[in-house]
């Protein structure tokens, strides 16, 4: 383990932020998140083949808070995880998404509904493809906007910097959370990205 990782782990322990590394599991789903998930499914129609669980990324919240919500519509529960936004959406690195963009080369997060696709091994390791369903995110495939893990997402990064790092527009989650996200979200489901 390198010195940077040791320092970050010590910082997390000293600040009592270890709980941030674990996902928050709500006993009952937040009505606003359930409404956003159901509205997304209604917009998507048959394009979302699997309708039991919807991912909702609420970019009205800062990056230091869990804001990728896995909304289990059958079980009535929500699991909330950290997720990064694109550097083009936060050029001053404040931790707040200030703008969406669908423009190639913008390095920004795109607003809209996505259908999750297949898994593949890429630059960031195991990843999941996304297809944008709206004019605001229909360049997702050509921009290579995907779900992947990144070293700059996690409680250690928040402890050291107060904010997560930024992606090139992808939905980057922690390395620890990626297997759970890929398994629970899985291909053929909906991922909603908006400011709620």
C-alpha atoms as a PDB file:
ATOM      1  CA  UNK A   1       0.000   0.000   0.000  1.00  0.00           C
ATOM      2  CA  UNK A   2       1.453   3.370  -0.942  1.00  0.00           C
ATOM      3  CA  UNK A   3       1.865   6.318   1.436  1.00  0.00           C
ATOM      4  CA  UNK A   4      -0.991   8.286  -0.121  1.00  0.00           C
ATOM      5  CA  UNK A   5      -3.460   5.491   0.567  1.00  0.00           C
ATOM      6  CA  UNK A   6      -2.197   5.120   4.159  1.00  0.00           C
ATOM      7  CA  UNK A   7      -2.600   8.871   4.700  1.00  0.00           C
ATOM      8  CA  UNK A   8      -6.117   8.836   3.272  1.00  0.00           C
ATOM      9  CA  UNK A   9      -7.146   5.857   5.417  1.00  0.00           C
ATOM     10  CA  UNK A  10      -5.765   7.606   8.511  1.00  0.00           C
ATOM     11  CA  UNK A  11      -7.660  10.787   7.579  1.00  0.00           C
ATOM     12  CA  UNK A  12     -10.916   8.858   7.215  1.00  0.00           C
ATOM     13  CA  UNK A  13     -10.428   7.188  10.597  1.00  0.00           C
ATOM     14  CA  UNK A  14      -9.514  10.464  12.298  1.00  0.00           C
ATOM     15  CA  UNK A  15     -12.549  12.269  10.927  1.00  0.00           C
ATOM     16  CA  UNK A  16     -14.905   9.385  11.646  1.00  0.00           C
ATOM     17  CA  UNK A  17     -15.912   9.130   7.994  1.00  0.00           C
ATOM     18  CA  UNK A  18     -15.661   5.366   7.682  1.00  0.00           C
ATOM     19  CA  UNK A  19     -19.431   5.096   7.409  1.00  0.00           C
ATOM     20  CA  UNK A  20     -19.327   7.060   4.160  1.00  0.00           C
ATOM     21  CA  UNK A  21     -17.580   4.146   2.490  1.00  0.00           C
ATOM     22  CA  UNK A  22     -20.626   1.980   3.053  1.00  0.00           C
ATOM     23  CA  UNK A  23     -23.851   2.514   1.083  1.00  0.00           C
ATOM     24  CA  UNK A  24     -26.844   3.939   2.886  1.00  0.00           C
ATOM     25  CA  UNK A  25     -29.810   1.573   2.841  1.00  0.00           C
ATOM     26  CA  UNK A  26     -33.169   3.138   3.593  1.00  0.00           C
ATOM     27  CA  UNK A  27     -35.867   0.980   5.123  1.00  0.00           C
ATOM     28  CA  UNK A  28     -38.527   2.751   3.074  1.00  0.00           C
ATOM     29  CA  UNK A  29     -38.011   4.381  -0.285  1.00  0.00           C
ATOM     30  CA  UNK A  30     -38.118   8.196  -0.405  1.00  0.00           C
ATOM     31  CA  UNK A  31     -41.369   9.219  -2.177  1.00  0.00           C
ATOM     32  CA  UNK A  32     -39.500  11.732  -4.378  1.00  0.00           C
ATOM     33  CA  UNK A  33     -37.064   9.083  -5.583  1.00  0.00           C
ATOM     34  CA  UNK A  34     -39.859   6.597  -6.216  1.00  0.00           C
ATOM     35  CA  UNK A  35     -41.749   9.255  -8.206  1.00  0.00           C
ATOM     36  CA  UNK A  36     -38.610  10.056 -10.259  1.00  0.00           C
ATOM     37  CA  UNK A  37     -38.066   6.337 -10.950  1.00  0.00           C
ATOM     38  CA  UNK A  38     -41.683   5.761 -11.994  1.00  0.00           C
ATOM     39  CA  UNK A  39     -41.737   8.883 -14.184  1.00  0.00           C
ATOM     40  CA  UNK A  40     -38.550   7.663 -15.881  1.00  0.00           C
ATOM     41  CA  UNK A  41     -40.094   4.264 -16.565  1.00  0.00           C
ATOM     42  CA  UNK A  42     -43.164   5.940 -18.022  1.00  0.00           C
ATOM     43  CA  UNK A  43     -41.000   8.038 -20.359  1.00  0.00           C
ATOM     44  CA  UNK A  44     -38.889   5.028 -21.358  1.00  0.00           C
ATOM     45  CA  UNK A  45     -41.807   2.694 -22.039  1.00  0.00           C
ATOM     46  CA  UNK A  46     -40.735  -0.603 -23.572  1.00  0.00           C
ATOM     47  CA  UNK A  47     -37.159   0.622 -24.006  1.00  0.00           C
ATOM     48  CA  UNK A  48     -36.554  -0.344 -20.348  1.00  0.00           C
ATOM     49  CA  UNK A  49     -37.050  -4.112 -20.405  1.00  0.00           C
ATOM     50  CA  UNK A  50     -36.442  -4.633 -16.675  1.00  0.00           C
ATOM     51  CA  UNK A  51     -38.667  -2.476 -14.466  1.00  0.00           C
ATOM     52  CA  UNK A  52     -38.050  -3.782 -10.934  1.00  0.00           C
ATOM     53  CA  UNK A  53     -35.199  -1.416 -10.071  1.00  0.00           C
ATOM     54  CA  UNK A  54     -34.247   2.040 -11.390  1.00  0.00           C
ATOM     55  CA  UNK A  55     -31.044   3.991 -10.840  1.00  0.00           C
ATOM     56  CA  UNK A  56     -31.632   7.664 -10.040  1.00  0.00           C
ATOM     57  CA  UNK A  57     -28.637  10.028 -10.029  1.00  0.00           C
ATOM     58  CA  UNK A  58     -29.738  13.227  -8.277  1.00  0.00           C
ATOM     59  CA  UNK A  59     -27.221  15.850  -9.329  1.00  0.00           C
ATOM     60  CA  UNK A  60     -28.889  18.587  -7.264  1.00  0.00           C
ATOM     61  CA  UNK A  61     -26.763  17.278  -4.378  1.00  0.00           C
ATOM     62  CA  UNK A  62     -23.001  17.814  -3.883  1.00  0.00           C
ATOM     63  CA  UNK A  63     -20.544  15.070  -4.787  1.00  0.00           C
ATOM     64  CA  UNK A  64     -19.619  14.488  -1.130  1.00  0.00           C
ATOM     65  CA  UNK A  65     -23.077  12.970  -0.500  1.00  0.00           C
ATOM     66  CA  UNK A  66     -24.502   9.649  -1.704  1.00  0.00           C
ATOM     67  CA  UNK A  67     -26.595  10.657  -4.726  1.00  0.00           C
ATOM     68  CA  UNK A  68     -26.788   7.558  -6.927  1.00  0.00           C
ATOM     69  CA  UNK A  69     -29.923   5.860  -5.671  1.00  0.00           C
ATOM     70  CA  UNK A  70     -30.814   2.280  -6.560  1.00  0.00           C
ATOM     71  CA  UNK A  71     -34.592   2.395  -6.194  1.00  0.00           C
ATOM     72  CA  UNK A  72     -36.048  -1.077  -5.686  1.00  0.00           C
ATOM     73  CA  UNK A  73     -39.661  -0.624  -6.759  1.00  0.00           C
ATOM     74  CA  UNK A  74     -40.650  -4.160  -5.795  1.00  0.00           C
ATOM     75  CA  UNK A  75     -38.962  -4.264  -2.390  1.00  0.00           C
ATOM     76  CA  UNK A  76     -39.664  -0.621  -1.509  1.00  0.00           C
ATOM     77  CA  UNK A  77     -36.048   0.112  -0.546  1.00  0.00           C
ATOM     78  CA  UNK A  78     -33.371   2.497  -1.728  1.00  0.00           C
ATOM     79  CA  UNK A  79     -29.601   2.031  -1.632  1.00  0.00           C
ATOM     80  CA  UNK A  80     -27.644   5.291  -1.980  1.00  0.00           C
ATOM     81  CA  UNK A  81     -24.029   5.473  -3.157  1.00  0.00           C
ATOM     82  CA  UNK A  82     -21.402   8.034  -4.087  1.00  0.00           C
ATOM     83  CA  UNK A  83     -21.087   8.942  -7.781  1.00  0.00           C
ATOM     84  CA  UNK A  84     -18.899  11.468  -9.576  1.00  0.00           C
ATOM     85  CA  UNK A  85     -19.992  13.934 -12.232  1.00  0.00           C
ATOM     86  CA  UNK A  86     -18.037  15.168 -15.234  1.00  0.00           C
ATOM     87  CA  UNK A  87     -15.305  17.805 -14.936  1.00  0.00           C
ATOM     88  CA  UNK A  88     -16.983  19.818 -17.695  1.00  0.00           C
ATOM     89  CA  UNK A  89     -20.063  20.063 -15.450  1.00  0.00           C
ATOM     90  CA  UNK A  90     -17.986  21.481 -12.584  1.00  0.00           C
ATOM     91  CA  UNK A  91     -15.033  23.394 -14.089  1.00  0.00           C
ATOM     92  CA  UNK A  92     -14.082  25.011 -10.758  1.00  0.00           C
ATOM     93  CA  UNK A  93     -14.194  21.656  -8.923  1.00  0.00           C
ATOM     94  CA  UNK A  94     -16.615  22.876  -6.270  1.00  0.00           C
ATOM     95  CA  UNK A  95     -18.308  19.488  -5.894  1.00  0.00           C
ATOM     96  CA  UNK A  96     -21.550  20.850  -7.375  1.00  0.00           C
ATOM     97  CA  UNK A  97     -22.733  20.079 -10.907  1.00  0.00           C
ATOM     98  CA  UNK A  98     -23.339  23.487 -12.486  1.00  0.00           C
ATOM     99  CA  UNK A  99     -24.274  22.454 -16.040  1.00  0.00           C
ATOM    100  CA  UNK A 100     -25.171  19.446 -18.160  1.00  0.00           C
ATOM    101  CA  UNK A 101     -23.918  18.932 -21.704  1.00  0.00           C
ATOM    102  CA  UNK A 102     -24.352  16.344 -24.441  1.00  0.00           C
ATOM    103  CA  UNK A 103     -21.637  17.866 -26.622  1.00  0.00           C
ATOM    104  CA  UNK A 104     -18.738  15.580 -27.627  1.00  0.00           C
ATOM    105  CA  UNK A 105     -15.529  16.701 -25.955  1.00  0.00           C
ATOM    106  CA  UNK A 106     -17.367  18.609 -23.197  1.00  0.00           C
ATOM    107  CA  UNK A 107     -16.313  16.145 -20.448  1.00  0.00           C
ATOM    108  CA  UNK A 108     -19.682  16.961 -18.885  1.00  0.00           C
ATOM    109  CA  UNK A 109     -22.449  14.848 -17.432  1.00  0.00           C
ATOM    110  CA  UNK A 110     -25.543  14.611 -19.641  1.00  0.00           C
ATOM    111  CA  UNK A 111     -29.053  14.982 -18.284  1.00  0.00           C
ATOM    112  CA  UNK A 112     -31.684  12.438 -19.229  1.00  0.00           C
ATOM    113  CA  UNK A 113     -32.749   8.819 -19.130  1.00  0.00           C
ATOM    114  CA  UNK A 114     -30.373   5.991 -20.037  1.00  0.00           C
ATOM    115  CA  UNK A 115     -30.868   2.283 -20.616  1.00  0.00           C
ATOM    116  CA  UNK A 116     -28.108   0.127 -19.187  1.00  0.00           C
ATOM    117  CA  UNK A 117     -26.301  -2.136 -21.628  1.00  0.00           C
ATOM    118  CA  UNK A 118     -23.756  -4.905 -21.547  1.00  0.00           C
ATOM    119  CA  UNK A 119     -20.632  -5.286 -19.466  1.00  0.00           C
ATOM    120  CA  UNK A 120     -17.120  -5.009 -20.847  1.00  0.00           C
ATOM    121  CA  UNK A 121     -13.555  -4.657 -19.611  1.00  0.00           C
ATOM    122  CA  UNK A 122     -12.068  -1.297 -20.570  1.00  0.00           C
ATOM    123  CA  UNK A 123      -9.640   1.397 -19.467  1.00  0.00           C
ATOM    124  CA  UNK A 124     -11.274   1.543 -16.016  1.00  0.00           C
ATOM    125  CA  UNK A 125     -11.745  -2.220 -15.719  1.00  0.00           C
ATOM    126  CA  UNK A 126     -15.200  -3.775 -15.553  1.00  0.00           C
ATOM    127  CA  UNK A 127     -17.751  -1.291 -16.893  1.00  0.00           C
ATOM    128  CA  UNK A 128     -21.332  -1.091 -18.156  1.00  0.00           C
ATOM    129  CA  UNK A 129     -22.447   0.594 -21.369  1.00  0.00           C
ATOM    130  CA  UNK A 130     -25.251   3.163 -21.456  1.00  0.00           C
ATOM    131  CA  UNK A 131     -27.607   4.289 -24.223  1.00  0.00           C
ATOM    132  CA  UNK A 132     -29.091   7.778 -23.918  1.00  0.00           C
ATOM    133  CA  UNK A 133     -32.823   7.986 -24.654  1.00  0.00           C
ATOM    134  CA  UNK A 134     -33.195  11.768 -24.896  1.00  0.00           C
ATOM    135  CA  UNK A 135     -31.914  14.584 -27.135  1.00  0.00           C
ATOM    136  CA  UNK A 136     -29.976  15.757 -24.044  1.00  0.00           C
ATOM    137  CA  UNK A 137     -27.966  12.505 -23.786  1.00  0.00           C
ATOM    138  CA  UNK A 138     -28.242  10.756 -27.161  1.00  0.00           C
ATOM    139  CA  UNK A 139     -24.473  11.096 -27.707  1.00  0.00           C
ATOM    140  CA  UNK A 140     -23.751   8.823 -24.729  1.00  0.00           C
ATOM    141  CA  UNK A 141     -22.549   5.905 -26.842  1.00  0.00           C
ATOM    142  CA  UNK A 142     -20.332   7.965 -29.155  1.00  0.00           C
ATOM    143  CA  UNK A 143     -18.962   9.850 -26.120  1.00  0.00           C
ATOM    144  CA  UNK A 144     -18.367   6.505 -24.376  1.00  0.00           C
ATOM    145  CA  UNK A 145     -20.378   7.534 -21.315  1.00  0.00           C
ATOM    146  CA  UNK A 146     -20.542   4.430 -19.113  1.00  0.00           C
ATOM    147  CA  UNK A 147     -20.700   3.242 -15.509  1.00  0.00           C
ATOM    148  CA  UNK A 148     -17.233   2.420 -14.148  1.00  0.00           C
ATOM    149  CA  UNK A 149     -15.213   2.597 -10.956  1.00  0.00           C
ATOM    150  CA  UNK A 150     -12.567   5.209 -10.221  1.00  0.00           C
ATOM    151  CA  UNK A 151      -9.940   5.785  -7.531  1.00  0.00           C
ATOM    152  CA  UNK A 152     -11.239   9.347  -7.070  1.00  0.00           C
ATOM    153  CA  UNK A 153     -14.614   8.181  -5.701  1.00  0.00           C
ATOM    154  CA  UNK A 154     -14.762   7.183  -2.040  1.00  0.00           C
ATOM    155  CA  UNK A 155     -14.824   8.420   1.543  1.00  0.00           C
ATOM    156  CA  UNK A 156     -11.017   8.709   1.533  1.00  0.00           C
ATOM    157  CA  UNK A 157     -11.161  11.284  -1.252  1.00  0.00           C
ATOM    158  CA  UNK A 158     -13.865  13.254   0.566  1.00  0.00           C
ATOM    159  CA  UNK A 159     -11.812  13.194   3.769  1.00  0.00           C
ATOM    160  CA  UNK A 160      -8.760  14.524   1.942  1.00  0.00           C
ATOM    161  CA  UNK A 161     -10.406  17.047  -0.406  1.00  0.00           C
ATOM    162  CA  UNK A 162     -13.997  17.626   0.700  1.00  0.00           C
ATOM    163  CA  UNK A 163     -15.278  16.616  -2.754  1.00  0.00           C
ATOM    164  CA  UNK A 164     -15.009  13.661  -5.118  1.00  0.00           C
ATOM    165  CA  UNK A 165     -12.833  13.777  -8.185  1.00  0.00           C
ATOM    166  CA  UNK A 166     -14.488  14.277 -11.565  1.00  0.00           C
ATOM    167  CA  UNK A 167     -15.003  11.989 -14.531  1.00  0.00           C
ATOM    168  CA  UNK A 168     -15.110  12.780 -18.242  1.00  0.00           C
ATOM    169  CA  UNK A 169     -18.904  12.600 -18.026  1.00  0.00           C
ATOM    170  CA  UNK A 170     -19.205   8.979 -16.921  1.00  0.00           C
ATOM    171  CA  UNK A 171     -21.039   7.716 -13.856  1.00  0.00           C
ATOM    172  CA  UNK A 172     -17.972   6.825 -11.786  1.00  0.00           C
ATOM    173  CA  UNK A 173     -18.525   4.958  -8.518  1.00  0.00           C
ATOM    174  CA  UNK A 174     -16.101   3.602  -5.937  1.00  0.00           C
ATOM    175  CA  UNK A 175     -14.175   0.424  -6.632  1.00  0.00           C
ATOM    176  CA  UNK A 176     -15.865  -1.163  -3.603  1.00  0.00           C
ATOM    177  CA  UNK A 177     -19.368  -0.279  -4.853  1.00  0.00           C
ATOM    178  CA  UNK A 178     -18.930  -1.208  -8.520  1.00  0.00           C
ATOM    179  CA  UNK A 179     -19.774  -4.946  -8.206  1.00  0.00           C
ATOM    180  CA  UNK A 180     -22.986  -4.069  -6.345  1.00  0.00           C
ATOM    181  CA  UNK A 181     -23.976  -1.424  -8.909  1.00  0.00           C
ATOM    182  CA  UNK A 182     -23.301  -3.709 -11.884  1.00  0.00           C
ATOM    183  CA  UNK A 183     -25.159  -6.591 -10.270  1.00  0.00           C
ATOM    184  CA  UNK A 184     -28.192  -4.645  -9.013  1.00  0.00           C
ATOM    185  CA  UNK A 185     -28.579  -2.190 -11.891  1.00  0.00           C
ATOM    186  CA  UNK A 186     -27.663  -4.707 -14.560  1.00  0.00           C
ATOM    187  CA  UNK A 187     -28.437  -4.603 -18.293  1.00  0.00           C
ATOM    188  CA  UNK A 188     -31.869  -3.547 -19.546  1.00  0.00           C
ATOM    189  CA  UNK A 189     -32.735  -1.220 -16.666  1.00  0.00           C
ATOM    190  CA  UNK A 190     -33.202   2.533 -16.488  1.00  0.00           C
ATOM    191  CA  UNK A 191     -30.760   5.090 -15.112  1.00  0.00           C
ATOM    192  CA  UNK A 192     -32.232   8.563 -14.612  1.00  0.00           C
ATOM    193  CA  UNK A 193     -29.804  11.511 -14.374  1.00  0.00           C
ATOM    194  CA  UNK A 194     -31.330  14.836 -13.372  1.00  0.00           C
ATOM    195  CA  UNK A 195     -31.428  17.542 -10.742  1.00  0.00           C
ATOM    196  CA  UNK A 196     -34.432  16.525  -8.649  1.00  0.00           C
END
